[in-house]
Amino acid sequence: MFFYRRRFQRQKVLENGTGISSYIHVVGDLRCDTLHITEGAMKADIAKFLSDGELFIGLTGVQNTKFLADVVQS
């Protein structure tokens, strides 16, 4: 069983600017005992393919960890 999901999170909109939408890319086998975290959805997709389907999370930036704990727990 392979799993593909994007978690969209909206941050607050600034008075004189736009809000930033970010997502955490989750791909692979949810039954896997090991979770790999990398930067970028494409890297996660390629790594999943090369590892025969292990579980990967691709962040949209190395500092984008605000919602990571929620995704890992779910």
PDB file of N, CA and C in Angstrom:
ATOM      1  N   MET A   1       0.837  -1.173   0.000  1.00  0.00           N
ATOM      2  CA  MET A   1       0.000   0.000   0.000  1.00  0.00           C
ATOM      3  C   MET A   1       0.886   1.240   0.000  1.00  0.00           C
ATOM      4  N   PHE A   2       0.684   2.097  -0.966  1.00  0.00           N
ATOM      5  CA  PHE A   2       1.426   3.346  -1.031  1.00  0.00           C
ATOM      6  C   PHE A   2       0.490   4.494  -0.729  1.00  0.00           C
ATOM      7  N   PHE A   3       1.043   5.526  -0.182  1.00  0.00           N
ATOM      8  CA  PHE A   3       0.253   6.648   0.289  1.00  0.00           C
ATOM      9  C   PHE A   3       0.818   7.929  -0.289  1.00  0.00           C
ATOM     10  N   TYR A   4      -0.051   8.786  -0.761  1.00  0.00           N
ATOM     11  CA  TYR A   4       0.367  10.062  -1.333  1.00  0.00           C
ATOM     12  C   TYR A   4      -0.574  11.131  -0.811  1.00  0.00           C
ATOM     13  N   ARG A   5      -0.006  12.123  -0.126  1.00  0.00           N
ATOM     14  CA  ARG A   5      -0.858  13.157   0.455  1.00  0.00           C
ATOM     15  C   ARG A   5      -0.072  14.456   0.565  1.00  0.00           C
ATOM     16  N   ARG A   6      -0.752  15.541   0.376  1.00  0.00           N
ATOM     17  CA  ARG A   6      -0.170  16.850   0.631  1.00  0.00           C
ATOM     18  C   ARG A   6      -0.988  17.517   1.719  1.00  0.00           C
ATOM     19  N   ARG A   7      -0.317  17.987   2.728  1.00  0.00           N
ATOM     20  CA  ARG A   7      -0.988  18.682   3.825  1.00  0.00           C
ATOM     21  C   ARG A   7      -0.827  20.176   3.601  1.00  0.00           C
ATOM     22  N   PHE A   8      -1.914  20.858   3.339  1.00  0.00           N
ATOM     23  CA  PHE A   8      -1.864  22.294   3.132  1.00  0.00           C
ATOM     24  C   PHE A   8      -2.166  23.003   4.445  1.00  0.00           C
ATOM     25  N   GLN A   9      -1.365  23.963   4.767  1.00  0.00           N
ATOM     26  CA  GLN A   9      -1.564  24.760   5.965  1.00  0.00           C
ATOM     27  C   GLN A   9      -1.499  26.233   5.565  1.00  0.00           C
ATOM     28  N   ARG A  10      -2.452  27.008   6.016  1.00  0.00           N
ATOM     29  CA  ARG A  10      -2.457  28.441   5.732  1.00  0.00           C
ATOM     30  C   ARG A  10      -1.913  29.188   6.940  1.00  0.00           C
ATOM     31  N   GLN A  11      -0.988  30.076   6.674  1.00  0.00           N
ATOM     32  CA  GLN A  11      -0.510  30.946   7.727  1.00  0.00           C
ATOM     33  C   GLN A  11      -1.319  32.234   7.673  1.00  0.00           C
ATOM     34  N   LYS A  12      -1.267  33.035   8.721  1.00  0.00           N
ATOM     35  CA  LYS A  12      -2.102  34.229   8.757  1.00  0.00           C
ATOM     36  C   LYS A  12      -1.704  35.209   7.661  1.00  0.00           C
ATOM     37  N   VAL A  13      -2.691  35.958   7.192  1.00  0.00           N
ATOM     38  CA  VAL A  13      -2.477  36.940   6.127  1.00  0.00           C
ATOM     39  C   VAL A  13      -1.998  38.238   6.763  1.00  0.00           C
ATOM     40  N   LEU A  14      -0.932  38.778   6.235  1.00  0.00           N
ATOM     41  CA  LEU A  14      -0.401  40.038   6.734  1.00  0.00           C
ATOM     42  C   LEU A  14      -1.244  41.201   6.222  1.00  0.00           C
ATOM     43  N   GLU A  15      -1.275  42.285   6.984  1.00  0.00           N
ATOM     44  CA  GLU A  15      -2.102  43.434   6.620  1.00  0.00           C
ATOM     45  C   GLU A  15      -1.746  43.999   5.250  1.00  0.00           C
ATOM     46  N   ASN A  16      -0.458  44.107   4.942  1.00  0.00           N
ATOM     47  CA  ASN A  16      -0.027  44.696   3.677  1.00  0.00           C
ATOM     48  C   ASN A  16       0.684  43.688   2.784  1.00  0.00           C
ATOM     49  N   GLY A  17       0.299  42.449   2.887  1.00  0.00           N
ATOM     50  CA  GLY A  17       0.967  41.440   2.076  1.00  0.00           C
ATOM     51  C   GLY A  17       0.077  40.236   1.874  1.00  0.00           C
ATOM     52  N   THR A  18       0.655  39.204   1.359  1.00  0.00           N
ATOM     53  CA  THR A  18      -0.107  37.986   1.106  1.00  0.00           C
ATOM     54  C   THR A  18       0.293  36.903   2.083  1.00  0.00           C
ATOM     55  N   GLY A  19      -0.593  35.959   2.280  1.00  0.00           N
ATOM     56  CA  GLY A  19      -0.293  34.817   3.129  1.00  0.00           C
ATOM     57  C   GLY A  19       0.544  33.801   2.387  1.00  0.00           C
ATOM     58  N   ILE A  20       1.256  33.011   3.124  1.00  0.00           N
ATOM     59  CA  ILE A  20       2.094  31.974   2.530  1.00  0.00           C
ATOM     60  C   ILE A  20       1.424  30.626   2.761  1.00  0.00           C
ATOM     61  N   SER A  21       1.216  29.891   1.695  1.00  0.00           N
ATOM     62  CA  SER A  21       0.705  28.529   1.820  1.00  0.00           C
ATOM     63  C   SER A  21       1.879  27.570   1.716  1.00  0.00           C
ATOM     64  N   SER A  22       1.916  26.611   2.576  1.00  0.00           N
ATOM     65  CA  SER A  22       2.985  25.622   2.511  1.00  0.00           C
ATOM     66  C   SER A  22       2.367  24.242   2.657  1.00  0.00           C
ATOM     67  N   TYR A  23       3.075  23.255   2.217  1.00  0.00           N
ATOM     68  CA  TYR A  23       2.577  21.896   2.345  1.00  0.00           C
ATOM     69  C   TYR A  23       3.716  20.976   2.745  1.00  0.00           C
ATOM     70  N   ILE A  24       3.331  19.863   3.305  1.00  0.00           N
ATOM     71  CA  ILE A  24       4.280  18.809   3.629  1.00  0.00           C
ATOM     72  C   ILE A  24       3.899  17.613   2.772  1.00  0.00           C
ATOM     73  N   HIS A  25       4.823  17.137   1.998  1.00  0.00           N
ATOM     74  CA  HIS A  25       4.609  16.069   1.026  1.00  0.00           C
ATOM     75  C   HIS A  25       4.931  14.730   1.685  1.00  0.00           C
ATOM     76  N   VAL A  26       3.925  13.853   1.776  1.00  0.00           N
ATOM     77  CA  VAL A  26       4.102  12.529   2.395  1.00  0.00           C
ATOM     78  C   VAL A  26       3.897  11.478   1.313  1.00  0.00           C
ATOM     79  N   VAL A  27       4.858  10.571   1.175  1.00  0.00           N
ATOM     80  CA  VAL A  27       4.773   9.557   0.133  1.00  0.00           C
ATOM     81  C   VAL A  27       5.438   8.271   0.612  1.00  0.00           C
ATOM     82  N   GLY A  28       4.852   7.137   0.252  1.00  0.00           N
ATOM     83  CA  GLY A  28       5.444   5.849   0.590  1.00  0.00           C
ATOM     84  C   GLY A  28       4.501   4.952   1.361  1.00  0.00           C
ATOM     85  N   ASP A  29       5.072   3.925   1.949  1.00  0.00           N
ATOM     86  CA  ASP A  29       4.322   2.895   2.659  1.00  0.00           C
ATOM     87  C   ASP A  29       4.159   3.288   4.123  1.00  0.00           C
ATOM     88  N   LEU A  30       2.921   3.505   4.573  1.00  0.00           N
ATOM     89  CA  LEU A  30       2.653   3.912   5.951  1.00  0.00           C
ATOM     90  C   LEU A  30       2.994   2.819   6.961  1.00  0.00           C
ATOM     91  N   ARG A  31       3.109   1.585   6.525  1.00  0.00           N
ATOM     92  CA  ARG A  31       3.465   0.482   7.430  1.00  0.00           C
ATOM     93  C   ARG A  31       4.968   0.371   7.654  1.00  0.00           C
ATOM     94  N   CYS A  32       5.749   1.168   6.972  1.00  0.00           N
ATOM     95  CA  CYS A  32       7.207   1.122   7.095  1.00  0.00           C
ATOM     96  C   CYS A  32       7.627   1.560   8.497  1.00  0.00           C
ATOM     97  N   ASP A  33       8.640   0.902   9.061  1.00  0.00           N
ATOM     98  CA  ASP A  33       9.128   1.222  10.401  1.00  0.00           C
ATOM     99  C   ASP A  33      10.016   2.456  10.429  1.00  0.00           C
ATOM    100  N   THR A  34      10.496   2.883   9.277  1.00  0.00           N
ATOM    101  CA  THR A  34      11.432   3.998   9.205  1.00  0.00           C
ATOM    102  C   THR A  34      10.807   5.156   8.438  1.00  0.00           C
ATOM    103  N   LEU A  35      10.978   6.356   8.964  1.00  0.00           N
ATOM    104  CA  LEU A  35      10.509   7.575   8.313  1.00  0.00           C
ATOM    105  C   LEU A  35      11.727   8.386   7.913  1.00  0.00           C
ATOM    106  N   HIS A  36      11.792   8.772   6.644  1.00  0.00           N
ATOM    107  CA  HIS A  36      12.888   9.593   6.144  1.00  0.00           C
ATOM    108  C   HIS A  36      12.336  10.992   5.880  1.00  0.00           C
ATOM    109  N   ILE A  37      13.080  12.015   6.279  1.00  0.00           N
ATOM    110  CA  ILE A  37      12.673  13.403   6.066  1.00  0.00           C
ATOM    111  C   ILE A  37      13.713  14.064   5.183  1.00  0.00           C
ATOM    112  N   THR A  38      13.238  14.739   4.122  1.00  0.00           N
ATOM    113  CA  THR A  38      14.134  15.412   3.203  1.00  0.00           C
ATOM    114  C   THR A  38      13.527  16.747   2.792  1.00  0.00           C
ATOM    115  N   GLU A  39      14.304  17.562   2.134  1.00  0.00           N
ATOM    116  CA  GLU A  39      13.795  18.827   1.629  1.00  0.00           C
ATOM    117  C   GLU A  39      13.362  18.625   0.177  1.00  0.00           C
ATOM    118  N   GLY A  40      12.110  18.945  -0.098  1.00  0.00           N
ATOM    119  CA  GLY A  40      11.613  18.903  -1.461  1.00  0.00           C
ATOM    120  C   GLY A  40      10.785  17.676  -1.778  1.00  0.00           C
ATOM    121  N   ALA A  41       9.653  17.936  -2.433  1.00  0.00           N
ATOM    122  CA  ALA A  41       8.747  16.857  -2.812  1.00  0.00           C
ATOM    123  C   ALA A  41       9.368  15.943  -3.862  1.00  0.00           C
ATOM    124  N   MET A  42      10.102  16.515  -4.799  1.00  0.00           N
ATOM    125  CA  MET A  42      10.704  15.694  -5.846  1.00  0.00           C
ATOM    126  C   MET A  42      11.752  14.743  -5.268  1.00  0.00           C
ATOM    127  N   LYS A  43      12.552  15.234  -4.327  1.00  0.00           N
ATOM    128  CA  LYS A  43      13.540  14.357  -3.684  1.00  0.00           C
ATOM    129  C   LYS A  43      12.851  13.213  -2.957  1.00  0.00           C
ATOM    130  N   ALA A  44      11.742  13.511  -2.282  1.00  0.00           N
ATOM    131  CA  ALA A  44      11.003  12.468  -1.573  1.00  0.00           C
ATOM    132  C   ALA A  44      10.454  11.434  -2.550  1.00  0.00           C
ATOM    133  N   ASP A  45       9.908  11.888  -3.677  1.00  0.00           N
ATOM    134  CA  ASP A  45       9.372  10.964  -4.684  1.00  0.00           C
ATOM    135  C   ASP A  45      10.458  10.067  -5.260  1.00  0.00           C
ATOM    136  N   ILE A  46      11.592  10.652  -5.594  1.00  0.00           N
ATOM    137  CA  ILE A  46      12.693   9.871  -6.171  1.00  0.00           C
ATOM    138  C   ILE A  46      13.247   8.884  -5.152  1.00  0.00           C
ATOM    139  N   ALA A  47      13.416   9.342  -3.912  1.00  0.00           N
ATOM    140  CA  ALA A  47      13.940   8.460  -2.870  1.00  0.00           C
ATOM    141  C   ALA A  47      12.990   7.296  -2.603  1.00  0.00           C
ATOM    142  N   LYS A  48      11.673   7.564  -2.612  1.00  0.00           N
ATOM    143  CA  LYS A  48      10.698   6.490  -2.433  1.00  0.00           C
ATOM    144  C   LYS A  48      10.817   5.463  -3.549  1.00  0.00           C
ATOM    145  N   PHE A  49      10.958   5.932  -4.764  1.00  0.00           N
ATOM    146  CA  PHE A  49      11.095   5.040  -5.911  1.00  0.00           C
ATOM    147  C   PHE A  49      12.355   4.187  -5.797  1.00  0.00           C
ATOM    148  N   LEU A  50      13.475   4.808  -5.428  1.00  0.00           N
ATOM    149  CA  LEU A  50      14.743   4.092  -5.343  1.00  0.00           C
ATOM    150  C   LEU A  50      14.817   3.166  -4.132  1.00  0.00           C
ATOM    151  N   SER A  51      13.988   3.404  -3.118  1.00  0.00           N
ATOM    152  CA  SER A  51      14.037   2.579  -1.909  1.00  0.00           C
ATOM    153  C   SER A  51      12.937   1.523  -1.887  1.00  0.00           C
ATOM    154  N   ASP A  52      12.271   1.314  -2.972  1.00  0.00           N
ATOM    155  CA  ASP A  52      11.179   0.342  -3.066  1.00  0.00           C
ATOM    156  C   ASP A  52      10.010   0.686  -2.151  1.00  0.00           C
ATOM    157  N   GLY A  53       9.720   1.983  -1.981  1.00  0.00           N
ATOM    158  CA  GLY A  53       8.491   2.385  -1.325  1.00  0.00           C
ATOM    159  C   GLY A  53       8.536   2.708   0.145  1.00  0.00           C
ATOM    160  N   GLU A  54       9.696   2.942   0.741  1.00  0.00           N
ATOM    161  CA  GLU A  54       9.732   3.337   2.147  1.00  0.00           C
ATOM    162  C   GLU A  54       9.011   4.668   2.331  1.00  0.00           C
ATOM    163  N   LEU A  55       8.768   5.057   3.562  1.00  0.00           N
ATOM    164  CA  LEU A  55       8.003   6.265   3.874  1.00  0.00           C
ATOM    165  C   LEU A  55       8.910   7.487   3.912  1.00  0.00           C
ATOM    166  N   PHE A  56       8.516   8.540   3.180  1.00  0.00           N
ATOM    167  CA  PHE A  56       9.300   9.773   3.093  1.00  0.00           C
ATOM    168  C   PHE A  56       8.400  10.977   3.303  1.00  0.00           C
ATOM    169  N   ILE A  57       8.964  12.011   3.933  1.00  0.00           N
ATOM    170  CA  ILE A  57       8.318  13.317   4.041  1.00  0.00           C
ATOM    171  C   ILE A  57       9.233  14.311   3.358  1.00  0.00           C
ATOM    172  N   GLY A  58       8.662  15.088   2.433  1.00  0.00           N
ATOM    173  CA  GLY A  58       9.409  16.126   1.738  1.00  0.00           C
ATOM    174  C   GLY A  58       8.925  17.490   2.200  1.00  0.00           C
ATOM    175  N   LEU A  59       9.790  18.241   2.854  1.00  0.00           N
ATOM    176  CA  LEU A  59       9.449  19.586   3.318  1.00  0.00           C
ATOM    177  C   LEU A  59       9.689  20.589   2.200  1.00  0.00           C
ATOM    178  N   THR A  60       8.989  21.719   2.245  1.00  0.00           N
ATOM    179  CA  THR A  60       9.161  22.742   1.213  1.00  0.00           C
ATOM    180  C   THR A  60      10.336  23.659   1.515  1.00  0.00           C
ATOM    181  N   GLY A  61      11.039  23.419   2.567  1.00  0.00           N
ATOM    182  CA  GLY A  61      12.238  24.173   2.942  1.00  0.00           C
ATOM    183  C   GLY A  61      12.775  23.611   4.243  1.00  0.00           C
ATOM    184  N   VAL A  62      14.060  23.775   4.472  1.00  0.00           N
ATOM    185  CA  VAL A  62      14.651  23.185   5.668  1.00  0.00           C
ATOM    186  C   VAL A  62      14.121  23.814   6.944  1.00  0.00           C
ATOM    187  N   GLN A  63      13.609  25.025   6.873  1.00  0.00           N
ATOM    188  CA  GLN A  63      13.049  25.694   8.043  1.00  0.00           C
ATOM    189  C   GLN A  63      11.545  25.462   8.188  1.00  0.00           C
ATOM    190  N   ASN A  64      10.929  24.757   7.279  1.00  0.00           N
ATOM    191  CA  ASN A  64       9.476  24.554   7.286  1.00  0.00           C
ATOM    192  C   ASN A  64       9.116  23.323   8.119  1.00  0.00           C
ATOM    193  N   THR A  65       9.272  23.445   9.415  1.00  0.00           N
ATOM    194  CA  THR A  65       8.998  22.314  10.305  1.00  0.00           C
ATOM    195  C   THR A  65       7.833  22.587  11.252  1.00  0.00           C
ATOM    196  N   LYS A  66       7.140  23.701  11.057  1.00  0.00           N
ATOM    197  CA  LYS A  66       6.069  24.090  11.985  1.00  0.00           C
ATOM    198  C   LYS A  66       4.993  23.017  12.124  1.00  0.00           C
ATOM    199  N   PHE A  67       4.593  22.383  11.038  1.00  0.00           N
ATOM    200  CA  PHE A  67       3.515  21.411  11.055  1.00  0.00           C
ATOM    201  C   PHE A  67       4.016  19.968  10.986  1.00  0.00           C
ATOM    202  N   LEU A  68       5.315  19.778  11.070  1.00  0.00           N
ATOM    203  CA  LEU A  68       5.895  18.446  10.913  1.00  0.00           C
ATOM    204  C   LEU A  68       5.424  17.484  12.006  1.00  0.00           C
ATOM    205  N   ALA A  69       5.388  17.929  13.243  1.00  0.00           N
ATOM    206  CA  ALA A  69       4.969  17.043  14.351  1.00  0.00           C
ATOM    207  C   ALA A  69       3.542  16.557  14.156  1.00  0.00           C
ATOM    208  N   ASP A  70       2.644  17.431  13.687  1.00  0.00           N
ATOM    209  CA  ASP A  70       1.251  17.028  13.433  1.00  0.00           C
ATOM    210  C   ASP A  70       1.174  15.940  12.371  1.00  0.00           C
ATOM    211  N   VAL A  71       1.958  16.082  11.327  1.00  0.00           N
ATOM    212  CA  VAL A  71       1.934  15.113  10.225  1.00  0.00           C
ATOM    213  C   VAL A  71       2.525  13.771  10.676  1.00  0.00           C
ATOM    214  N   VAL A  72       3.589  13.801  11.418  1.00  0.00           N
ATOM    215  CA  VAL A  72       4.237  12.568  11.863  1.00  0.00           C
ATOM    216  C   VAL A  72       3.315  11.802  12.819  1.00  0.00           C
ATOM    217  N   GLN A  73       2.602  12.508  13.678  1.00  0.00           N
ATOM    218  CA  GLN A  73       1.722  11.854  14.625  1.00  0.00           C
ATOM    219  C   GLN A  73       0.473  11.276  13.956  1.00  0.00           C
ATOM    220  N   SER A  74       0.057  11.823  12.828  1.00  0.00           N
ATOM    221  CA  SER A  74      -1.172  11.337  12.164  1.00  0.00           C
ATOM    222  C   SER A  74      -0.933  10.206  11.229  1.00  0.00           C
TER     223      SER A  74
END
